[in-house]
Amino acid sequence: MKLYKYLSTDAAMAFLKEPTLRLSQNNSQNDPFEVLSTEIDLNRIKDATQKTIKICGKEFNSHRDITPYLDLYGYVSLSKNKESMPMWGNYATNNKGILVEFEVDEEDPFSIFDIDKTNDNDAYLSDNVIYNRERSYSKTINNLSVEEINNFSKHYFFSKHESWEHEEEYRFALPFTNCNKVITLGNSNLIKNKLSYLGYKGDLGEEINDLSNLFF
């Protein structure tokens, strides 16, 4: 399948120099409520169980850890729409930039990235974004089994408000510990300590360039 990325002039120049895609944090999504669990869902999880569960090799203690677990993930967003004027306006500079086309293997979508998926292969997720008016998880939460927590996470990973439907987004979700370049801002030691705690082994370069507001 063919997927597309709209880039501003500065981002386009950086991409042509070094083909790198941003792994976006939860709080940098264009929808301010994206990947944020509703209070209703958090209460449902709290009522379901308090036991400790293990996901992708890490232990999480029910409702108190569901938000940190979601925060472990970042997102690469591409689009199936190559002729969107709103997206030129949102992601380009005064509607100027480039549109990058990716040929993606539907059997192995992550093959477009230079990453090692030999460990925790189930942690790599990709799918079409589903657009809804309501954000809450609609399925029953019984005992917070691994299957239930994975389904719950996928709901928030791949859900977006219906007002963004024109983007026709296809999204890649993967843990930040598996990205292969980091550009740090502000207190870089704090970022380094957090990433080190999460097991990150990649290049913690501190180079700040034209994309200094982005976290790769």
Foldseek 3Di string as FASTA:
>chain_A
DKWKDAAAAVRQVVCVVPVDFFFAFLCPDPANCALPADPVQLVLQVVQDQPWDADLRDIDGISVCLSVVLRQKTKGKIFPDPDDPVCLVVHYDVSDHDMDMDDADPVCRCVVDPWDCPGSVVQKDKFWADADQDQHDDDHDHRPDNVVSVVRSVSRVRYDHNVCVVRRIIMIMHGPLTDAEWADDDPLVVVVVVSVVVPRDHDSDNDADPVNVGTD
